[in-house]
Full PDB file with SEQRES, HELIX, SHEET, SSBOND, CRYST1, ORIGX, SCALE, CONECT and MASTER records, all heavy atoms in Angstrom:
SEQRES   1 A   29  ASN THR ARG LEU PHE TRP ALA ALA CYS ARG ALA TYR GLU          
SEQRES   2 A   29  ASP GLY ILE GLY PRO GLU LEU ALA ASN PRO LEU VAL ASP          
SEQRES   3 A   29  ALA ALA ARG                                                  
HELIX    1 AA1 THR A    2  GLU A   13  1                                  12    
HELIX    2 AA2 GLY A   17  ALA A   28  1                                  12    
CRYST1    1.000    1.000    1.000  90.00  90.00  90.00 P 1           1          
ORIGX1      1.000000  0.000000  0.000000        0.00000                         
ORIGX2      0.000000  1.000000  0.000000        0.00000                         
ORIGX3      0.000000  0.000000  1.000000        0.00000                         
SCALE1      1.000000  0.000000  0.000000        0.00000                         
SCALE2      0.000000  1.000000  0.000000        0.00000                         
SCALE3      0.000000  0.000000  1.000000        0.00000                         
ATOM      1  N   ASN A   1     -11.922  -0.335   0.868  1.00  0.00           N  
ATOM      2  CA  ASN A   1     -13.376  -0.661   0.847  1.00  0.00           C  
ATOM      3  C   ASN A   1     -14.243   0.503   0.400  1.00  0.00           C  
ATOM      4  O   ASN A   1     -15.167   0.300  -0.399  1.00  0.00           O  
ATOM      5  CB  ASN A   1     -13.864  -1.262   2.169  1.00  0.00           C  
ATOM      6  CG  ASN A   1     -13.686  -2.787   2.198  1.00  0.00           C  
ATOM      7  OD1 ASN A   1     -13.804  -3.444   1.263  1.00  0.00           O  
ATOM      8  ND2 ASN A   1     -13.459  -3.229   3.369  1.00  0.00           N  
ATOM      9  N   THR A   2     -13.899   1.616   0.922  1.00  0.00           N  
ATOM     10  CA  THR A   2     -14.771   2.844   0.610  1.00  0.00           C  
ATOM     11  C   THR A   2     -14.587   3.265  -0.873  1.00  0.00           C  
ATOM     12  O   THR A   2     -15.556   3.500  -1.544  1.00  0.00           O  
ATOM     13  CB  THR A   2     -14.149   4.061   1.494  1.00  0.00           C  
ATOM     14  OG1 THR A   2     -14.301   3.749   2.823  1.00  0.00           O  
ATOM     15  CG2 THR A   2     -14.966   5.388   1.103  1.00  0.00           C  
ATOM     16  N   ARG A   3     -13.405   3.154  -1.354  1.00  0.00           N  
ATOM     17  CA  ARG A   3     -13.324   3.433  -2.845  1.00  0.00           C  
ATOM     18  C   ARG A   3     -13.881   2.335  -3.735  1.00  0.00           C  
ATOM     19  O   ARG A   3     -14.535   2.710  -4.802  1.00  0.00           O  
ATOM     20  CB  ARG A   3     -11.801   3.543  -3.238  1.00  0.00           C  
ATOM     21  CG  ARG A   3     -11.248   4.788  -2.615  1.00  0.00           C  
ATOM     22  CD  ARG A   3      -9.999   5.173  -3.233  1.00  0.00           C  
ATOM     23  NE  ARG A   3      -9.404   6.412  -2.767  1.00  0.00           N  
ATOM     24  CZ  ARG A   3      -8.394   7.009  -3.242  1.00  0.00           C  
ATOM     25  NH1 ARG A   3      -7.682   6.509  -4.257  1.00  0.00           N  
ATOM     26  NH2 ARG A   3      -7.886   8.086  -2.660  1.00  0.00           N  
ATOM     27  N   LEU A   4     -13.742   1.122  -3.311  1.00  0.00           N  
ATOM     28  CA  LEU A   4     -14.380   0.018  -4.065  1.00  0.00           C  
ATOM     29  C   LEU A   4     -15.888   0.185  -4.026  1.00  0.00           C  
ATOM     30  O   LEU A   4     -16.553   0.070  -5.088  1.00  0.00           O  
ATOM     31  CB  LEU A   4     -13.990  -1.300  -3.553  1.00  0.00           C  
ATOM     32  CG  LEU A   4     -14.635  -2.486  -4.163  1.00  0.00           C  
ATOM     33  CD1 LEU A   4     -14.506  -2.703  -5.545  1.00  0.00           C  
ATOM     34  CD2 LEU A   4     -14.226  -3.844  -3.423  1.00  0.00           C  
ATOM     35  N   PHE A   5     -16.464   0.523  -2.880  1.00  0.00           N  
ATOM     36  CA  PHE A   5     -17.912   0.638  -2.704  1.00  0.00           C  
ATOM     37  C   PHE A   5     -18.373   1.823  -3.625  1.00  0.00           C  
ATOM     38  O   PHE A   5     -19.393   1.673  -4.352  1.00  0.00           O  
ATOM     39  CB  PHE A   5     -18.220   0.863  -1.232  1.00  0.00           C  
ATOM     40  CG  PHE A   5     -19.730   0.992  -1.079  1.00  0.00           C  
ATOM     41  CD1 PHE A   5     -20.583  -0.074  -1.004  1.00  0.00           C  
ATOM     42  CD2 PHE A   5     -20.328   2.222  -0.733  1.00  0.00           C  
ATOM     43  CE1 PHE A   5     -21.873  -0.015  -0.769  1.00  0.00           C  
ATOM     44  CE2 PHE A   5     -21.745   2.275  -0.556  1.00  0.00           C  
ATOM     45  CZ  PHE A   5     -22.454   1.136  -0.537  1.00  0.00           C  
ATOM     46  N   TRP A   6     -17.640   2.934  -3.567  1.00  0.00           N  
ATOM     47  CA  TRP A   6     -18.052   4.019  -4.409  1.00  0.00           C  
ATOM     48  C   TRP A   6     -18.050   3.707  -5.853  1.00  0.00           C  
ATOM     49  O   TRP A   6     -18.996   4.030  -6.583  1.00  0.00           O  
ATOM     50  CB  TRP A   6     -17.052   5.233  -4.151  1.00  0.00           C  
ATOM     51  CG  TRP A   6     -17.419   6.485  -4.931  1.00  0.00           C  
ATOM     52  CD1 TRP A   6     -18.142   7.453  -4.531  1.00  0.00           C  
ATOM     53  CD2 TRP A   6     -16.915   6.771  -6.214  1.00  0.00           C  
ATOM     54  NE1 TRP A   6     -18.291   8.418  -5.549  1.00  0.00           N  
ATOM     55  CE2 TRP A   6     -17.462   8.030  -6.570  1.00  0.00           C  
ATOM     56  CE3 TRP A   6     -16.013   6.176  -7.072  1.00  0.00           C  
ATOM     57  CZ2 TRP A   6     -17.173   8.670  -7.820  1.00  0.00           C  
ATOM     58  CZ3 TRP A   6     -15.729   6.750  -8.289  1.00  0.00           C  
ATOM     59  CH2 TRP A   6     -16.339   8.041  -8.682  1.00  0.00           C  
ATOM     60  N   ALA A   7     -16.970   3.036  -6.345  1.00  0.00           N  
ATOM     61  CA  ALA A   7     -16.819   2.664  -7.702  1.00  0.00           C  
ATOM     62  C   ALA A   7     -17.958   1.708  -8.113  1.00  0.00           C  
ATOM     63  O   ALA A   7     -18.587   1.728  -9.236  1.00  0.00           O  
ATOM     64  CB  ALA A   7     -15.475   2.084  -7.981  1.00  0.00           C  
ATOM     65  N   ALA A   8     -18.251   0.828  -7.330  1.00  0.00           N  
ATOM     66  CA  ALA A   8     -19.260  -0.254  -7.547  1.00  0.00           C  
ATOM     67  C   ALA A   8     -20.671   0.498  -7.621  1.00  0.00           C  
ATOM     68  O   ALA A   8     -21.424   0.157  -8.475  1.00  0.00           O  
ATOM     69  CB  ALA A   8     -19.208  -1.349  -6.567  1.00  0.00           C  
ATOM     70  N   CYS A   9     -20.916   1.422  -6.766  1.00  0.00           N  
ATOM     71  CA  CYS A   9     -22.222   2.164  -6.755  1.00  0.00           C  
ATOM     72  C   CYS A   9     -22.403   2.852  -8.104  1.00  0.00           C  
ATOM     73  O   CYS A   9     -23.426   2.851  -8.664  1.00  0.00           O  
ATOM     74  CB  CYS A   9     -22.282   3.118  -5.540  1.00  0.00           C  
ATOM     75  SG  CYS A   9     -22.697   2.226  -3.982  1.00  0.00           S  
ATOM     76  N   ARG A  10     -21.245   3.582  -8.466  1.00  0.00           N  
ATOM     77  CA  ARG A  10     -21.409   4.316  -9.739  1.00  0.00           C  
ATOM     78  C   ARG A  10     -21.640   3.396 -10.907  1.00  0.00           C  
ATOM     79  O   ARG A  10     -22.436   3.658 -11.779  1.00  0.00           O  
ATOM     80  CB  ARG A  10     -20.120   5.148  -9.995  1.00  0.00           C  
ATOM     81  CG  ARG A  10     -19.677   6.193  -8.866  1.00  0.00           C  
ATOM     82  CD  ARG A  10     -20.762   7.334  -8.656  1.00  0.00           C  
ATOM     83  NE  ARG A  10     -21.782   7.000  -7.787  1.00  0.00           N  
ATOM     84  CZ  ARG A  10     -21.816   6.899  -6.541  1.00  0.00           C  
ATOM     85  NH1 ARG A  10     -20.692   7.023  -5.843  1.00  0.00           N  
ATOM     86  NH2 ARG A  10     -22.925   6.666  -5.884  1.00  0.00           N  
ATOM     87  N   ALA A  11     -20.905   2.263 -10.907  1.00  0.00           N  
ATOM     88  CA  ALA A  11     -21.056   1.187 -11.978  1.00  0.00           C  
ATOM     89  C   ALA A  11     -22.482   0.772 -11.959  1.00  0.00           C  
ATOM     90  O   ALA A  11     -23.131   0.706 -13.053  1.00  0.00           O  
ATOM     91  CB  ALA A  11     -20.086   0.129 -11.824  1.00  0.00           C  
ATOM     92  N   TYR A  12     -23.070   0.398 -10.844  1.00  0.00           N  
ATOM     93  CA  TYR A  12     -24.460  -0.161 -10.918  1.00  0.00           C  
ATOM     94  C   TYR A  12     -25.422   1.020 -11.203  1.00  0.00           C  
ATOM     95  O   TYR A  12     -26.406   0.687 -11.902  1.00  0.00           O  
ATOM     96  CB  TYR A  12     -24.712  -0.714  -9.491  1.00  0.00           C  
ATOM     97  CG  TYR A  12     -24.306  -2.213  -9.457  1.00  0.00           C  
ATOM     98  CD1 TYR A  12     -23.037  -2.500  -8.953  1.00  0.00           C  
ATOM     99  CD2 TYR A  12     -24.934  -3.165 -10.063  1.00  0.00           C  
ATOM    100  CE1 TYR A  12     -22.598  -3.759  -8.872  1.00  0.00           C  
ATOM    101  CE2 TYR A  12     -24.554  -4.493 -10.080  1.00  0.00           C  
ATOM    102  CZ  TYR A  12     -23.245  -4.746  -9.452  1.00  0.00           C  
ATOM    103  OH  TYR A  12     -22.839  -6.040  -9.474  1.00  0.00           O  
ATOM    104  N   GLU A  13     -25.256   2.258 -10.798  1.00  0.00           N  
ATOM    105  CA  GLU A  13     -26.144   3.290 -11.079  1.00  0.00           C  
ATOM    106  C   GLU A  13     -26.082   3.576 -12.626  1.00  0.00           C  
ATOM    107  O   GLU A  13     -27.115   3.902 -13.167  1.00  0.00           O  
ATOM    108  CB  GLU A  13     -25.679   4.653 -10.411  1.00  0.00           C  
ATOM    109  CG  GLU A  13     -25.981   4.632  -8.867  1.00  0.00           C  
ATOM    110  CD  GLU A  13     -25.454   5.776  -8.148  1.00  0.00           C  
ATOM    111  OE1 GLU A  13     -24.603   6.477  -8.681  1.00  0.00           O  
ATOM    112  OE2 GLU A  13     -25.659   5.878  -6.936  1.00  0.00           O  
ATOM    113  N   ASP A  14     -24.897   3.344 -13.226  1.00  0.00           N  
ATOM    114  CA  ASP A  14     -24.867   3.599 -14.662  1.00  0.00           C  
ATOM    115  C   ASP A  14     -25.266   2.410 -15.495  1.00  0.00           C  
ATOM    116  O   ASP A  14     -25.178   2.281 -16.681  1.00  0.00           O  
ATOM    117  CB  ASP A  14     -23.385   3.901 -15.109  1.00  0.00           C  
ATOM    118  CG  ASP A  14     -23.037   5.379 -14.506  1.00  0.00           C  
ATOM    119  OD1 ASP A  14     -23.959   6.148 -14.279  1.00  0.00           O  
ATOM    120  OD2 ASP A  14     -21.871   5.579 -14.508  1.00  0.00           O  
ATOM    121  N   GLY A  15     -25.616   1.317 -14.807  1.00  0.00           N  
ATOM    122  CA  GLY A  15     -26.151   0.045 -15.540  1.00  0.00           C  
ATOM    123  C   GLY A  15     -25.034  -0.838 -16.012  1.00  0.00           C  
ATOM    124  O   GLY A  15     -25.320  -1.684 -16.776  1.00  0.00           O  
ATOM    125  N   ILE A  16     -23.897  -0.658 -15.536  1.00  0.00           N  
ATOM    126  CA  ILE A  16     -22.743  -1.464 -16.096  1.00  0.00           C  
ATOM    127  C   ILE A  16     -22.112  -2.272 -14.871  1.00  0.00           C  
ATOM    128  O   ILE A  16     -20.995  -2.768 -15.091  1.00  0.00           O  
ATOM    129  CB  ILE A  16     -21.661  -0.647 -16.784  1.00  0.00           C  
ATOM    130  CG1 ILE A  16     -21.129   0.496 -15.946  1.00  0.00           C  
ATOM    131  CG2 ILE A  16     -22.269  -0.183 -18.136  1.00  0.00           C  
ATOM    132  CD1 ILE A  16     -19.987   1.221 -16.508  1.00  0.00           C  
ATOM    133  N   GLY A  17     -22.826  -2.381 -13.747  1.00  0.00           N  
ATOM    134  CA  GLY A  17     -22.190  -3.084 -12.590  1.00  0.00           C  
ATOM    135  C   GLY A  17     -21.863  -4.537 -12.888  1.00  0.00           C  
ATOM    136  O   GLY A  17     -20.750  -4.878 -12.595  1.00  0.00           O  
ATOM    137  N   PRO A  18     -22.774  -5.326 -13.526  1.00  0.00           N  
ATOM    138  CA  PRO A  18     -22.484  -6.703 -13.757  1.00  0.00           C  
ATOM    139  C   PRO A  18     -21.158  -6.878 -14.720  1.00  0.00           C  
ATOM    140  O   PRO A  18     -20.388  -7.728 -14.472  1.00  0.00           O  
ATOM    141  CB  PRO A  18     -23.677  -7.264 -14.368  1.00  0.00           C  
ATOM    142  CG  PRO A  18     -24.784  -6.415 -13.928  1.00  0.00           C  
ATOM    143  CD  PRO A  18     -24.129  -5.042 -13.781  1.00  0.00           C  
ATOM    144  N   GLU A  19     -21.097  -5.987 -15.547  1.00  0.00           N  
ATOM    145  CA  GLU A  19     -19.943  -6.101 -16.500  1.00  0.00           C  
ATOM    146  C   GLU A  19     -18.643  -5.640 -15.842  1.00  0.00           C  
ATOM    147  O   GLU A  19     -17.523  -6.110 -16.103  1.00  0.00           O  
ATOM    148  CB  GLU A  19     -20.068  -5.111 -17.696  1.00  0.00           C  
ATOM    149  CG  GLU A  19     -21.206  -5.673 -18.712  1.00  0.00           C  
ATOM    150  CD  GLU A  19     -22.532  -5.151 -18.295  1.00  0.00           C  
ATOM    151  OE1 GLU A  19     -22.711  -4.348 -17.337  1.00  0.00           O  
ATOM    152  OE2 GLU A  19     -23.591  -5.569 -18.901  1.00  0.00           O  
ATOM    153  N   LEU A  20     -18.717  -4.801 -14.807  1.00  0.00           N  
ATOM    154  CA  LEU A  20     -17.479  -4.251 -14.137  1.00  0.00           C  
ATOM    155  C   LEU A  20     -17.255  -5.018 -12.876  1.00  0.00           C  
ATOM    156  O   LEU A  20     -16.171  -4.752 -12.161  1.00  0.00           O  
ATOM    157  CB  LEU A  20     -17.611  -2.767 -13.822  1.00  0.00           C  
ATOM    158  CG  LEU A  20     -17.499  -1.875 -15.028  1.00  0.00           C  
ATOM    159  CD1 LEU A  20     -17.540  -0.387 -14.618  1.00  0.00           C  
ATOM    160  CD2 LEU A  20     -16.184  -2.120 -15.764  1.00  0.00           C  
ATOM    161  N   ALA A  21     -18.050  -5.924 -12.451  1.00  0.00           N  
ATOM    162  CA  ALA A  21     -17.882  -6.682 -11.157  1.00  0.00           C  
ATOM    163  C   ALA A  21     -16.550  -7.330 -11.090  1.00  0.00           C  
ATOM    164  O   ALA A  21     -15.722  -7.087 -10.151  1.00  0.00           O  
ATOM    165  CB  ALA A  21     -18.999  -7.588 -10.817  1.00  0.00           C  
ATOM    166  N   ASN A  22     -16.235  -8.190 -12.082  1.00  0.00           N  
ATOM    167  CA  ASN A  22     -14.953  -8.835 -12.089  1.00  0.00           C  
ATOM    168  C   ASN A  22     -13.711  -8.054 -12.192  1.00  0.00           C  
ATOM    169  O   ASN A  22     -12.756  -8.118 -11.458  1.00  0.00           O  
ATOM    170  CB  ASN A  22     -14.902  -9.938 -13.122  1.00  0.00           C  
ATOM    171  CG  ASN A  22     -15.815 -11.160 -12.739  1.00  0.00           C  
ATOM    172  OD1 ASN A  22     -15.977 -11.411 -11.563  1.00  0.00           O  
ATOM    173  ND2 ASN A  22     -16.298 -11.841 -13.756  1.00  0.00           N  
ATOM    174  N   PRO A  23     -13.707  -6.962 -13.064  1.00  0.00           N  
ATOM    175  CA  PRO A  23     -12.592  -6.074 -13.090  1.00  0.00           C  
ATOM    176  C   PRO A  23     -12.392  -5.206 -11.791  1.00  0.00           C  
ATOM    177  O   PRO A  23     -11.306  -4.984 -11.333  1.00  0.00           O  
ATOM    178  CB  PRO A  23     -12.953  -5.087 -14.272  1.00  0.00           C  
ATOM    179  CG  PRO A  23     -13.754  -5.870 -15.218  1.00  0.00           C  
ATOM    180  CD  PRO A  23     -14.643  -6.755 -14.243  1.00  0.00           C  
ATOM    181  N   LEU A  24     -13.526  -4.933 -11.110  1.00  0.00           N  
ATOM    182  CA  LEU A  24     -13.453  -4.265  -9.777  1.00  0.00           C  
ATOM    183  C   LEU A  24     -12.811  -5.208  -8.756  1.00  0.00           C  
ATOM    184  O   LEU A  24     -12.031  -4.805  -7.985  1.00  0.00           O  
ATOM    185  CB  LEU A  24     -14.828  -3.769  -9.322  1.00  0.00           C  
ATOM    186  CG  LEU A  24     -15.322  -2.496 -10.051  1.00  0.00           C  
ATOM    187  CD1 LEU A  24     -16.748  -2.254  -9.672  1.00  0.00           C  
ATOM    188  CD2 LEU A  24     -14.455  -1.321  -9.751  1.00  0.00           C  
ATOM    189  N   VAL A  25     -13.272  -6.464  -8.764  1.00  0.00           N  
ATOM    190  CA  VAL A  25     -12.664  -7.438  -7.914  1.00  0.00           C  
ATOM    191  C   VAL A  25     -11.115  -7.578  -8.181  1.00  0.00           C  
ATOM    192  O   VAL A  25     -10.382  -7.518  -7.189  1.00  0.00           O  
ATOM    193  CB  VAL A  25     -13.198  -8.839  -8.028  1.00  0.00           C  
ATOM    194  CG1 VAL A  25     -12.515  -9.869  -7.253  1.00  0.00           C  
ATOM    195  CG2 VAL A  25     -14.731  -8.788  -7.559  1.00  0.00           C  
ATOM    196  N   ASP A  26     -10.686  -7.585  -9.398  1.00  0.00           N  
ATOM    197  CA  ASP A  26      -9.372  -7.648  -9.708  1.00  0.00           C  
ATOM    198  C   ASP A  26      -8.510  -6.430  -9.188  1.00  0.00           C  
ATOM    199  O   ASP A  26      -7.413  -6.547  -8.659  1.00  0.00           O  
ATOM    200  CB  ASP A  26      -9.068  -7.813 -11.231  1.00  0.00           C  
ATOM    201  CG  ASP A  26      -9.526  -9.102 -11.762  1.00  0.00           C  
ATOM    202  OD1 ASP A  26      -9.700 -10.074 -11.030  1.00  0.00           O  
ATOM    203  OD2 ASP A  26      -9.765  -9.175 -13.041  1.00  0.00           O  
ATOM    204  N   ALA A  27      -9.172  -5.246  -9.347  1.00  0.00           N  
ATOM    205  CA  ALA A  27      -8.513  -4.073  -8.885  1.00  0.00           C  
ATOM    206  C   ALA A  27      -8.434  -4.065  -7.270  1.00  0.00           C  
ATOM    207  O   ALA A  27      -7.396  -3.636  -6.756  1.00  0.00           O  
ATOM    208  CB  ALA A  27      -9.228  -2.803  -9.380  1.00  0.00           C  
ATOM    209  N   ALA A  28      -9.498  -4.500  -6.675  1.00  0.00           N  
ATOM    210  CA  ALA A  28      -9.491  -4.561  -5.244  1.00  0.00           C  
ATOM    211  C   ALA A  28      -8.483  -5.556  -4.740  1.00  0.00           C  
ATOM    212  O   ALA A  28      -7.756  -5.251  -3.829  1.00  0.00           O  
ATOM    213  CB  ALA A  28     -10.835  -4.963  -4.730  1.00  0.00           C  
ATOM    214  N   ARG A  29      -8.317  -6.640  -5.395  1.00  0.00           N  
ATOM    215  CA  ARG A  29      -7.301  -7.661  -4.962  1.00  0.00           C  
ATOM    216  C   ARG A  29      -5.939  -7.017  -5.151  1.00  0.00           C  
ATOM    217  O   ARG A  29      -5.012  -7.343  -4.387  1.00  0.00           O  
ATOM    218  CB  ARG A  29      -7.498  -8.936  -5.726  1.00  0.00           C  
ATOM    219  CG  ARG A  29      -8.814  -9.602  -5.257  1.00  0.00           C  
ATOM    220  CD  ARG A  29      -8.880 -11.026  -5.935  1.00  0.00           C  
ATOM    221  NE  ARG A  29      -7.894 -11.873  -5.372  1.00  0.00           N  
ATOM    222  CZ  ARG A  29      -7.350 -12.925  -6.012  1.00  0.00           C  
ATOM    223  NH1 ARG A  29      -7.747 -13.208  -7.239  1.00  0.00           N  
ATOM    224  NH2 ARG A  29      -6.498 -13.596  -5.265  1.00  0.00           N  
TER     225      ARG A  29                                                      
MASTER        0    0    0    2    0    0    0    6  224    1    0    3          
END                                                                             
């Protein structure tokens, strides 16, 4: 969870969160 949260925060800060949400879910799963 910590790594996912960190990666998601960086993605959203960089403006690409929506595009990376599904790939991040896949990686988390």
